[in-house]
């Protein structure tokens, strides 16, 4: 469960970082 939550946060962080750049 912790792994899935961590993965979701990391995925969201990457998306937020890539979204403004793109």
N, C-alpha and C. Protein backbone atom coordinates (compact mmCIF):
# COMPACT_ATOMS: atom_id res chain seq x y z
N UNK A 1 0.85 -1.20 0.00
CA UNK A 1 0.00 0.00 0.00
C UNK A 1 0.89 1.25 0.00
N UNK A 2 1.88 1.29 0.85
CA UNK A 2 2.76 2.46 0.91
C UNK A 2 3.47 2.63 -0.42
N UNK A 3 3.90 1.51 -1.02
CA UNK A 3 4.60 1.58 -2.30
C UNK A 3 3.70 2.19 -3.38
N UNK A 4 2.44 1.78 -3.41
CA UNK A 4 1.52 2.30 -4.43
C UNK A 4 1.29 3.79 -4.22
N UNK A 5 1.13 4.18 -2.97
CA UNK A 5 0.88 5.60 -2.67
C UNK A 5 2.11 6.42 -3.07
N UNK A 6 3.28 5.90 -2.75
CA UNK A 6 4.52 6.60 -3.07
C UNK A 6 4.64 6.73 -4.59
N UNK A 7 4.31 5.67 -5.29
CA UNK A 7 4.41 5.69 -6.75
C UNK A 7 3.44 6.74 -7.33
N UNK A 8 2.25 6.82 -6.75
CA UNK A 8 1.25 7.80 -7.23
C UNK A 8 1.78 9.22 -7.03
N UNK A 9 2.38 9.46 -5.87
CA UNK A 9 2.90 10.81 -5.58
C UNK A 9 4.04 11.14 -6.53
N UNK A 10 4.93 10.17 -6.77
CA UNK A 10 6.06 10.41 -7.66
C UNK A 10 5.56 10.66 -9.08
N UNK A 11 4.59 9.86 -9.53
CA UNK A 11 4.04 10.02 -10.88
C UNK A 11 3.41 11.40 -11.02
N UNK A 12 2.67 11.81 -10.01
CA UNK A 12 2.01 13.12 -10.04
C UNK A 12 3.06 14.22 -10.06
N UNK A 13 4.11 14.07 -9.26
CA UNK A 13 5.17 15.08 -9.22
C UNK A 13 5.83 15.22 -10.57
N UNK A 14 6.11 14.09 -11.22
CA UNK A 14 6.76 14.13 -12.54
C UNK A 14 5.83 14.79 -13.55
N UNK A 15 4.56 14.47 -13.48
CA UNK A 15 3.59 15.05 -14.43
C UNK A 15 3.52 16.57 -14.24
N UNK A 16 3.49 17.00 -12.98
CA UNK A 16 3.40 18.44 -12.69
C UNK A 16 4.66 19.16 -13.17
N UNK A 17 5.80 18.47 -13.06
CA UNK A 17 7.07 19.09 -13.49
C UNK A 17 7.17 19.12 -15.01
N UNK A 18 6.67 18.08 -15.66
CA UNK A 18 6.77 18.00 -17.13
C UNK A 18 5.68 18.82 -17.80
N UNK A 19 4.54 18.94 -17.16
CA UNK A 19 3.41 19.66 -17.75
C UNK A 19 3.77 21.13 -18.08
N UNK A 20 4.29 21.90 -17.14
CA UNK A 20 4.65 23.30 -17.42
C UNK A 20 5.77 23.40 -18.44
N UNK A 21 6.68 22.44 -18.44
CA UNK A 21 7.80 22.47 -19.40
C UNK A 21 7.29 22.21 -20.81
N UNK A 22 6.30 21.32 -20.92
CA UNK A 22 5.76 20.97 -22.24
C UNK A 22 4.79 22.06 -22.66
